[in-house]
Amino acid sequence: MDRWLAEMGPMFFSLCEAGASRKKHADLHQAKMESEFQLAQEEEAARAAAERLRAQSRSASRSQIATPGGANSIPRFKTPHRCTNL
């Protein structure tokens, strides 16, 4: 009578894995997450370094625009003051 249960049991029942197997699975998942996080940090650092280099090259290649009356211009004469004694 119990033979049919032994033969057909796996079709109806499954045994849960032991706690050690779950812990192993959790540890593997944790290690995978940490490696992905580390990779993401390295990619972000590389992206930031590339952006800094791009910004430095842009600022170095910009030409200065000369404007009248700018800080670098030297006035040749001063505007005379108005005479208000009339």
PDB file of N, CA and C in Angstrom:
ATOM      1  N   MET A   1       0.812  -1.187   0.000  1.00  0.00           N
ATOM      2  CA  MET A   1       0.000   0.000   0.000  1.00  0.00           C
ATOM      3  C   MET A   1       0.862   1.261   0.000  1.00  0.00           C
ATOM      4  N   ASP A   2       1.925   1.251   0.736  1.00  0.00           N
ATOM      5  CA  ASP A   2       2.793   2.419   0.799  1.00  0.00           C
ATOM      6  C   ASP A   2       3.724   2.493  -0.401  1.00  0.00           C
ATOM      7  N   ARG A   3       3.768   1.444  -1.212  1.00  0.00           N
ATOM      8  CA  ARG A   3       4.682   1.446  -2.358  1.00  0.00           C
ATOM      9  C   ARG A   3       4.280   2.497  -3.387  1.00  0.00           C
ATOM     10  N   TRP A   4       3.015   2.662  -3.603  1.00  0.00           N
ATOM     11  CA  TRP A   4       2.595   3.632  -4.620  1.00  0.00           C
ATOM     12  C   TRP A   4       2.997   5.050  -4.226  1.00  0.00           C
ATOM     13  N   LEU A   5       2.964   5.340  -2.899  1.00  0.00           N
ATOM     14  CA  LEU A   5       3.371   6.658  -2.433  1.00  0.00           C
ATOM     15  C   LEU A   5       4.866   6.853  -2.654  1.00  0.00           C
ATOM     16  N   ALA A   6       5.650   5.809  -2.419  1.00  0.00           N
ATOM     17  CA  ALA A   6       7.087   5.900  -2.638  1.00  0.00           C
ATOM     18  C   ALA A   6       7.395   6.101  -4.110  1.00  0.00           C
ATOM     19  N   GLU A   7       6.641   5.436  -4.972  1.00  0.00           N
ATOM     20  CA  GLU A   7       6.883   5.550  -6.402  1.00  0.00           C
ATOM     21  C   GLU A   7       6.330   6.851  -6.991  1.00  0.00           C
ATOM     22  N   MET A   8       5.162   7.275  -6.561  1.00  0.00           N
ATOM     23  CA  MET A   8       4.498   8.444  -7.127  1.00  0.00           C
ATOM     24  C   MET A   8       4.689   9.710  -6.304  1.00  0.00           C
ATOM     25  N   GLY A   9       5.309   9.590  -5.168  1.00  0.00           N
ATOM     26  CA  GLY A   9       5.488  10.731  -4.270  1.00  0.00           C
ATOM     27  C   GLY A   9       6.160  11.929  -4.900  1.00  0.00           C
ATOM     28  N   PRO A  10       7.269  11.749  -5.641  1.00  0.00           N
ATOM     29  CA  PRO A  10       7.935  12.908  -6.226  1.00  0.00           C
ATOM     30  C   PRO A  10       7.058  13.712  -7.171  1.00  0.00           C
ATOM     31  N   MET A  11       6.030  13.095  -7.740  1.00  0.00           N
ATOM     32  CA  MET A  11       5.126  13.842  -8.617  1.00  0.00           C
ATOM     33  C   MET A  11       4.266  14.812  -7.829  1.00  0.00           C
ATOM     34  N   PHE A  12       3.967  14.474  -6.580  1.00  0.00           N
ATOM     35  CA  PHE A  12       3.043  15.284  -5.781  1.00  0.00           C
ATOM     36  C   PHE A  12       3.721  16.114  -4.706  1.00  0.00           C
ATOM     37  N   PHE A  13       4.904  15.706  -4.304  1.00  0.00           N
ATOM     38  CA  PHE A  13       5.577  16.375  -3.201  1.00  0.00           C
ATOM     39  C   PHE A  13       6.995  16.751  -3.626  1.00  0.00           C
ATOM     40  N   SER A  14       7.496  17.816  -3.071  1.00  0.00           N
ATOM     41  CA  SER A  14       8.899  18.169  -3.290  1.00  0.00           C
ATOM     42  C   SER A  14       9.501  18.486  -1.928  1.00  0.00           C
ATOM     43  N   LEU A  15      10.743  18.148  -1.780  1.00  0.00           N
ATOM     44  CA  LEU A  15      11.432  18.411  -0.532  1.00  0.00           C
ATOM     45  C   LEU A  15      12.107  19.773  -0.622  1.00  0.00           C
ATOM     46  N   CYS A  16      11.980  20.534   0.424  1.00  0.00           N
ATOM     47  CA  CYS A  16      12.637  21.835   0.464  1.00  0.00           C
ATOM     48  C   CYS A  16      14.122  21.624   0.697  1.00  0.00           C
ATOM     49  N   GLU A  17      14.906  22.549   0.132  1.00  0.00           N
ATOM     50  CA  GLU A  17      16.342  22.442   0.325  1.00  0.00           C
ATOM     51  C   GLU A  17      16.682  22.840   1.750  1.00  0.00           C
ATOM     52  N   ALA A  18      17.795  22.349   2.196  1.00  0.00           N
ATOM     53  CA  ALA A  18      18.230  22.660   3.551  1.00  0.00           C
ATOM     54  C   ALA A  18      18.623  24.133   3.646  1.00  0.00           C
ATOM     55  N   GLY A  19      18.715  24.634   4.838  1.00  0.00           N
ATOM     56  CA  GLY A  19      19.062  26.036   5.074  1.00  0.00           C
ATOM     57  C   GLY A  19      20.422  26.401   4.528  1.00  0.00           C
ATOM     58  N   ALA A  20      21.362  25.478   4.501  1.00  0.00           N
ATOM     59  CA  ALA A  20      22.701  25.766   3.998  1.00  0.00           C
ATOM     60  C   ALA A  20      22.649  26.124   2.514  1.00  0.00           C
ATOM     61  N   SER A  21      21.792  25.446   1.774  1.00  0.00           N
ATOM     62  CA  SER A  21      21.681  25.721   0.351  1.00  0.00           C
ATOM     63  C   SER A  21      21.075  27.105   0.121  1.00  0.00           C
ATOM     64  N   ARG A  22      20.107  27.474   0.911  1.00  0.00           N
ATOM     65  CA  ARG A  22      19.515  28.807   0.803  1.00  0.00           C
ATOM     66  C   ARG A  22      20.546  29.872   1.121  1.00  0.00           C
ATOM     67  N   LYS A  23      21.327  29.605   2.165  1.00  0.00           N
ATOM     68  CA  LYS A  23      22.371  30.575   2.544  1.00  0.00           C
ATOM     69  C   LYS A  23      23.401  30.697   1.431  1.00  0.00           C
ATOM     70  N   LYS A  24      23.759  29.579   0.823  1.00  0.00           N
ATOM     71  CA  LYS A  24      24.717  29.616  -0.283  1.00  0.00           C
ATOM     72  C   LYS A  24      24.149  30.445  -1.438  1.00  0.00           C
ATOM     73  N   HIS A  25      22.894  30.244  -1.738  1.00  0.00           N
ATOM     74  CA  HIS A  25      22.244  31.004  -2.805  1.00  0.00           C
ATOM     75  C   HIS A  25      22.220  32.501  -2.461  1.00  0.00           C
ATOM     76  N   ALA A  26      21.908  32.823  -1.220  1.00  0.00           N
ATOM     77  CA  ALA A  26      21.876  34.220  -0.789  1.00  0.00           C
ATOM     78  C   ALA A  26      23.266  34.841  -0.855  1.00  0.00           C
ATOM     79  N   ASP A  27      24.286  34.076  -0.468  1.00  0.00           N
ATOM     80  CA  ASP A  27      25.665  34.578  -0.528  1.00  0.00           C
ATOM     81  C   ASP A  27      26.081  34.842  -1.972  1.00  0.00           C
ATOM     82  N   LEU A  28      25.713  33.944  -2.882  1.00  0.00           N
ATOM     83  CA  LEU A  28      26.034  34.151  -4.292  1.00  0.00           C
ATOM     84  C   LEU A  28      25.335  35.394  -4.835  1.00  0.00           C
ATOM     85  N   HIS A  29      24.087  35.563  -4.442  1.00  0.00           N
ATOM     86  CA  HIS A  29      23.327  36.741  -4.872  1.00  0.00           C
ATOM     87  C   HIS A  29      23.969  38.012  -4.328  1.00  0.00           C
ATOM     88  N   GLN A  30      24.368  37.988  -3.069  1.00  0.00           N
ATOM     89  CA  GLN A  30      25.008  39.151  -2.448  1.00  0.00           C
ATOM     90  C   GLN A  30      26.327  39.481  -3.150  1.00  0.00           C
ATOM     91  N   ALA A  31      27.130  38.468  -3.449  1.00  0.00           N
ATOM     92  CA  ALA A  31      28.405  38.692  -4.126  1.00  0.00           C
ATOM     93  C   ALA A  31      28.184  39.277  -5.524  1.00  0.00           C
ATOM     94  N   LYS A  32      27.151  38.781  -6.220  1.00  0.00           N
ATOM     95  CA  LYS A  32      26.838  39.298  -7.548  1.00  0.00           C
ATOM     96  C   LYS A  32      26.422  40.766  -7.474  1.00  0.00           C
ATOM     97  N   MET A  33      25.586  41.084  -6.497  1.00  0.00           N
ATOM     98  CA  MET A  33      25.140  42.469  -6.333  1.00  0.00           C
ATOM     99  C   MET A  33      26.318  43.387  -6.018  1.00  0.00           C
ATOM    100  N   GLU A  34      27.233  42.946  -5.152  1.00  0.00           N
ATOM    101  CA  GLU A  34      28.384  43.762  -4.797  1.00  0.00           C
ATOM    102  C   GLU A  34      29.292  43.991  -6.002  1.00  0.00           C
ATOM    103  N   SER A  35      29.494  42.951  -6.810  1.00  0.00           N
ATOM    104  CA  SER A  35      30.347  43.118  -7.985  1.00  0.00           C
ATOM    105  C   SER A  35      29.699  44.061  -8.991  1.00  0.00           C
ATOM    106  N   GLU A  36      28.384  43.981  -9.156  1.00  0.00           N
ATOM    107  CA  GLU A  36      27.689  44.901 -10.060  1.00  0.00           C
ATOM    108  C   GLU A  36      27.775  46.335  -9.551  1.00  0.00           C
ATOM    109  N   PHE A  37      27.671  46.513  -8.246  1.00  0.00           N
ATOM    110  CA  PHE A  37      27.776  47.849  -7.656  1.00  0.00           C
ATOM    111  C   PHE A  37      29.181  48.399  -7.863  1.00  0.00           C
ATOM    112  N   GLN A  38      30.195  47.569  -7.650  1.00  0.00           N
ATOM    113  CA  GLN A  38      31.586  47.995  -7.843  1.00  0.00           C
ATOM    114  C   GLN A  38      31.813  48.394  -9.299  1.00  0.00           C
ATOM    115  N   LEU A  39      31.299  47.602 -10.226  1.00  0.00           N
ATOM    116  CA  LEU A  39      31.442  47.910 -11.649  1.00  0.00           C
ATOM    117  C   LEU A  39      30.750  49.227 -11.992  1.00  0.00           C
ATOM    118  N   ALA A  40      29.574  49.444 -11.432  1.00  0.00           N
ATOM    119  CA  ALA A  40      28.846  50.688 -11.686  1.00  0.00           C
ATOM    120  C   ALA A  40      29.608  51.893 -11.142  1.00  0.00           C
ATOM    121  N   GLN A  41      30.232  51.759  -9.971  1.00  0.00           N
ATOM    122  CA  GLN A  41      31.024  52.850  -9.413  1.00  0.00           C
ATOM    123  C   GLN A  41      32.226  53.157 -10.295  1.00  0.00           C
ATOM    124  N   GLU A  42      32.905  52.109 -10.793  1.00  0.00           N
ATOM    125  CA  GLU A  42      34.063  52.316 -11.659  1.00  0.00           C
ATOM    126  C   GLU A  42      33.656  52.997 -12.962  1.00  0.00           C
ATOM    127  N   GLU A  43      32.524  52.594 -13.518  1.00  0.00           N
ATOM    128  CA  GLU A  43      32.045  53.221 -14.746  1.00  0.00           C
ATOM    129  C   GLU A  43      31.696  54.681 -14.508  1.00  0.00           C
ATOM    130  N   GLU A  44      31.088  54.972 -13.380  1.00  0.00           N
ATOM    131  CA  GLU A  44      30.722  56.356 -13.056  1.00  0.00           C
ATOM    132  C   GLU A  44      31.973  57.208 -12.868  1.00  0.00           C
ATOM    133  N   ALA A  45      33.001  56.658 -12.211  1.00  0.00           N
ATOM    134  CA  ALA A  45      34.252  57.390 -12.025  1.00  0.00           C
ATOM    135  C   ALA A  45      34.926  57.654 -13.369  1.00  0.00           C
ATOM    136  N   ALA A  46      34.912  56.677 -14.263  1.00  0.00           N
ATOM    137  CA  ALA A  46      35.510  56.854 -15.593  1.00  0.00           C
ATOM    138  C   ALA A  46      34.740  57.906 -16.383  1.00  0.00           C
ATOM    139  N   ARG A  47      33.412  57.887 -16.272  1.00  0.00           N
ATOM    140  CA  ARG A  47      32.583  58.871 -16.970  1.00  0.00           C
ATOM    141  C   ARG A  47      32.862  60.283 -16.441  1.00  0.00           C
ATOM    142  N   ALA A  48      33.000  60.414 -15.120  1.00  0.00           N
ATOM    143  CA  ALA A  48      33.274  61.722 -14.523  1.00  0.00           C
ATOM    144  C   ALA A  48      34.654  62.231 -14.948  1.00  0.00           C
ATOM    145  N   ALA A  49      35.653  61.341 -14.992  1.00  0.00           N
ATOM    146  CA  ALA A  49      36.995  61.741 -15.413  1.00  0.00           C
ATOM    147  C   ALA A  49      36.988  62.187 -16.871  1.00  0.00           C
ATOM    148  N   ALA A  50      36.257  61.487 -17.718  1.00  0.00           N
ATOM    149  CA  ALA A  50      36.169  61.878 -19.126  1.00  0.00           C
ATOM    150  C   ALA A  50      35.484  63.231 -19.269  1.00  0.00           C
ATOM    151  N   GLU A  51      34.467  63.467 -18.463  1.00  0.00           N
ATOM    152  CA  GLU A  51      33.763  64.757 -18.508  1.00  0.00           C
ATOM    153  C   GLU A  51      34.684  65.885 -18.059  1.00  0.00           C
ATOM    154  N   ARG A  52      35.480  65.648 -17.013  1.00  0.00           N
ATOM    155  CA  ARG A  52      36.439  66.670 -16.558  1.00  0.00           C
ATOM    156  C   ARG A  52      37.444  66.985 -17.658  1.00  0.00           C
ATOM    157  N   LEU A  53      37.969  65.956 -18.312  1.00  0.00           N
ATOM    158  CA  LEU A  53      38.924  66.188 -19.404  1.00  0.00           C
ATOM    159  C   LEU A  53      38.278  66.969 -20.544  1.00  0.00           C
ATOM    160  N   ARG A  54      37.043  66.622 -20.871  1.00  0.00           N
ATOM    161  CA  ARG A  54      36.332  67.329 -21.931  1.00  0.00           C
ATOM    162  C   ARG A  54      36.131  68.795 -21.550  1.00  0.00           C
ATOM    163  N   ALA A  55      35.787  69.053 -20.300  1.00  0.00           N
ATOM    164  CA  ALA A  55      35.571  70.427 -19.844  1.00  0.00           C
ATOM    165  C   ALA A  55      36.881  71.216 -19.872  1.00  0.00           C
ATOM    166  N   GLN A  56      37.974  70.577 -19.474  1.00  0.00           N
ATOM    167  CA  GLN A  56      39.278  71.255 -19.491  1.00  0.00           C
ATOM    168  C   GLN A  56      39.698  71.567 -20.915  1.00  0.00           C
ATOM    169  N   SER A  57      39.490  70.642 -21.825  1.00  0.00           N
ATOM    170  CA  SER A  57      39.889  70.890 -23.214  1.00  0.00           C
ATOM    171  C   SER A  57      39.013  71.967 -23.839  1.00  0.00           C
ATOM    172  N   ARG A  58      37.736  71.997 -23.476  1.00  0.00           N
ATOM    173  CA  ARG A  58      36.850  73.044 -23.995  1.00  0.00           C
ATOM    174  C   ARG A  58      37.278  74.412 -23.507  1.00  0.00           C
ATOM    175  N   SER A  59      37.611  74.526 -22.217  1.00  0.00           N
ATOM    176  CA  SER A  59      37.985  75.826 -21.673  1.00  0.00           C
ATOM    177  C   SER A  59      39.338  76.273 -22.207  1.00  0.00           C
ATOM    178  N   ALA A  60      40.246  75.338 -22.480  1.00  0.00           N
ATOM    179  CA  ALA A  60      41.560  75.698 -23.005  1.00  0.00           C
ATOM    180  C   ALA A  60      41.467  76.116 -24.463  1.00  0.00           C
ATOM    181  N   SER A  61      40.548  75.564 -25.203  1.00  0.00           N
ATOM    182  CA  SER A  61      40.460  75.868 -26.627  1.00  0.00           C
ATOM    183  C   SER A  61      39.587  77.087 -26.925  1.00  0.00           C
ATOM    184  N   ARG A  62      38.897  77.576 -25.951  1.00  0.00           N
ATOM    185  CA  ARG A  62      38.061  78.757 -26.172  1.00  0.00           C
ATOM    186  C   ARG A  62      38.950  79.980 -26.402  1.00  0.00           C
ATOM    187  N   SER A  63      38.580  80.766 -27.380  1.00  0.00           N
ATOM    188  CA  SER A  63      39.317  81.998 -27.601  1.00  0.00           C
ATOM    189  C   SER A  63      38.623  83.109 -26.829  1.00  0.00           C
ATOM    190  N   GLN A  64      39.410  84.054 -26.401  1.00  0.00           N
ATOM    191  CA  GLN A  64      38.840  85.163 -25.660  1.00  0.00           C
ATOM    192  C   GLN A  64      38.278  86.174 -26.641  1.00  0.00           C
ATOM    193  N   ILE A  65      37.167  86.745 -26.281  1.00  0.00           N
ATOM    194  CA  ILE A  65      36.518  87.740 -27.122  1.00  0.00           C
ATOM    195  C   ILE A  65      36.875  89.119 -26.585  1.00  0.00           C
ATOM    196  N   ALA A  66      37.416  89.957 -27.479  1.00  0.00           N
ATOM    197  CA  ALA A  66      37.787  91.306 -27.080  1.00  0.00           C
ATOM    198  C   ALA A  66      36.543  92.182 -27.110  1.00  0.00           C
ATOM    199  N   THR A  67      36.296  92.880 -26.022  1.00  0.00           N
ATOM    200  CA  THR A  67      35.157  93.791 -25.958  1.00  0.00           C
ATOM    201  C   THR A  67      35.660  95.177 -25.602  1.00  0.00           C
ATOM    202  N   PRO A  68      35.057  96.196 -26.144  1.00  0.00           N
ATOM    203  CA  PRO A  68      35.490  97.551 -25.808  1.00  0.00           C
ATOM    204  C   PRO A  68      35.190  97.854 -24.345  1.00  0.00           C
ATOM    205  N   GLY A  69      36.139  98.471 -23.699  1.00  0.00           N
ATOM    206  CA  GLY A  69      35.959  98.831 -22.301  1.00  0.00           C
ATOM    207  C   GLY A  69      36.103  97.659 -21.362  1.00  0.00           C
ATOM    208  N   GLY A  70      36.709  96.606 -21.805  1.00  0.00           N
ATOM    209  CA  GLY A  70      36.885  95.430 -20.968  1.00  0.00           C
ATOM    210  C   GLY A  70      37.947  95.659 -19.902  1.00  0.00           C
ATOM    211  N   ALA A  71      38.175  94.694 -19.087  1.00  0.00           N
ATOM    212  CA  ALA A  71      39.130  94.821 -17.989  1.00  0.00           C
ATOM    213  C   ALA A  71      40.557  94.955 -18.489  1.00  0.00           C
ATOM    214  N   ASN A  72      40.852  94.427 -19.671  1.00  0.00           N
ATOM    215  CA  ASN A  72      42.220  94.468 -20.180  1.00  0.00           C
ATOM    216  C   ASN A  72      42.511  95.711 -21.002  1.00  0.00           C
ATOM    217  N   SER A  73      41.514  96.491 -21.305  1.00  0.00           N
ATOM    218  CA  SER A  73      41.746  97.686 -22.125  1.00  0.00           C
ATOM    219  C   SER A  73      42.291  98.816 -21.252  1.00  0.00           C
ATOM    220  N   ILE A  74      43.191  99.587 -21.845  1.00  0.00           N
ATOM    221  CA  ILE A  74      43.803 100.721 -21.114  1.00  0.00           C
ATOM    222  C   ILE A  74      43.210 101.999 -21.704  1.00  0.00           C
ATOM    223  N   PRO A  75      42.574 102.808 -20.892  1.00  0.00           N
ATOM    224  CA  PRO A  75      41.993 104.049 -21.432  1.00  0.00           C
ATOM    225  C   PRO A  75      43.109 105.027 -21.817  1.00  0.00           C
ATOM    226  N   ARG A  76      42.974 105.669 -22.977  1.00  0.00           N
ATOM    227  CA  ARG A  76      43.997 106.608 -23.432  1.00  0.00           C
ATOM    228  C   ARG A  76      43.759 107.998 -22.829  1.00  0.00           C
ATOM    229  N   PHE A  77      42.532 108.320 -22.577  1.00  0.00           N
ATOM    230  CA  PHE A  77      42.217 109.598 -21.966  1.00  0.00           C
ATOM    231  C   PHE A  77      40.962 109.443 -21.135  1.00  0.00           C
ATOM    232  N   LYS A  78      40.807 110.329 -20.201  1.00  0.00           N
ATOM    233  CA  LYS A  78      39.615 110.320 -19.379  1.00  0.00           C
ATOM    234  C   LYS A  78      38.602 111.300 -19.942  1.00  0.00           C
ATOM    235  N   THR A  79      37.356 111.012 -19.726  1.00  0.00           N
ATOM    236  CA  THR A  79      36.294 111.910 -20.136  1.00  0.00           C
ATOM    237  C   THR A  79      36.331 113.144 -19.236  1.00  0.00           C
ATOM    238  N   PRO A  80      36.313 114.348 -19.814  1.00  0.00           N
ATOM    239  CA  PRO A  80      36.392 115.550 -18.966  1.00  0.00           C
ATOM    240  C   PRO A  80      35.115 115.706 -18.135  1.00  0.00           C
ATOM    241  N   HIS A  81      35.282 116.291 -16.972  1.00  0.00           N
ATOM    242  CA  HIS A  81      34.133 116.526 -16.104  1.00  0.00           C
ATOM    243  C   HIS A  81      33.350 117.730 -16.615  1.00  0.00           C
ATOM    244  N   ARG A  82      32.089 117.704 -16.354  1.00  0.00           N
ATOM    245  CA  ARG A  82      31.249 118.831 -16.770  1.00  0.00           C
ATOM    246  C   ARG A  82      31.465 120.005 -15.829  1.00  0.00           C
ATOM    247  N   CYS A  83      31.374 121.093 -16.391  1.00  0.00           N
ATOM    248  CA  CYS A  83      31.466 122.301 -15.603  1.00  0.00           C
ATOM    249  C   CYS A  83      30.042 122.694 -15.202  1.00  0.00           C
ATOM    250  N   THR A  84      29.784 122.734 -13.929  1.00  0.00           N
ATOM    251  CA  THR A  84      28.426 123.016 -13.468  1.00  0.00           C
ATOM    252  C   THR A  84      28.312 124.423 -12.866  1.00  0.00           C
ATOM    253  N   ASN A  85      29.320 125.284 -13.081  1.00  0.00           N
ATOM    254  CA  ASN A  85      29.312 126.627 -12.476  1.00  0.00           C
ATOM    255  C   ASN A  85      28.612 127.657 -13.360  1.00  0.00           C
ATOM    256  N   LEU A  86      27.943 127.356 -14.339  1.00  0.00           N
ATOM    257  CA  LEU A  86      27.333 128.344 -15.227  1.00  0.00           C
ATOM    258  C   LEU A  86      26.228 129.004 -14.567  1.00  0.00           C
TER     259      LEU A  86
END
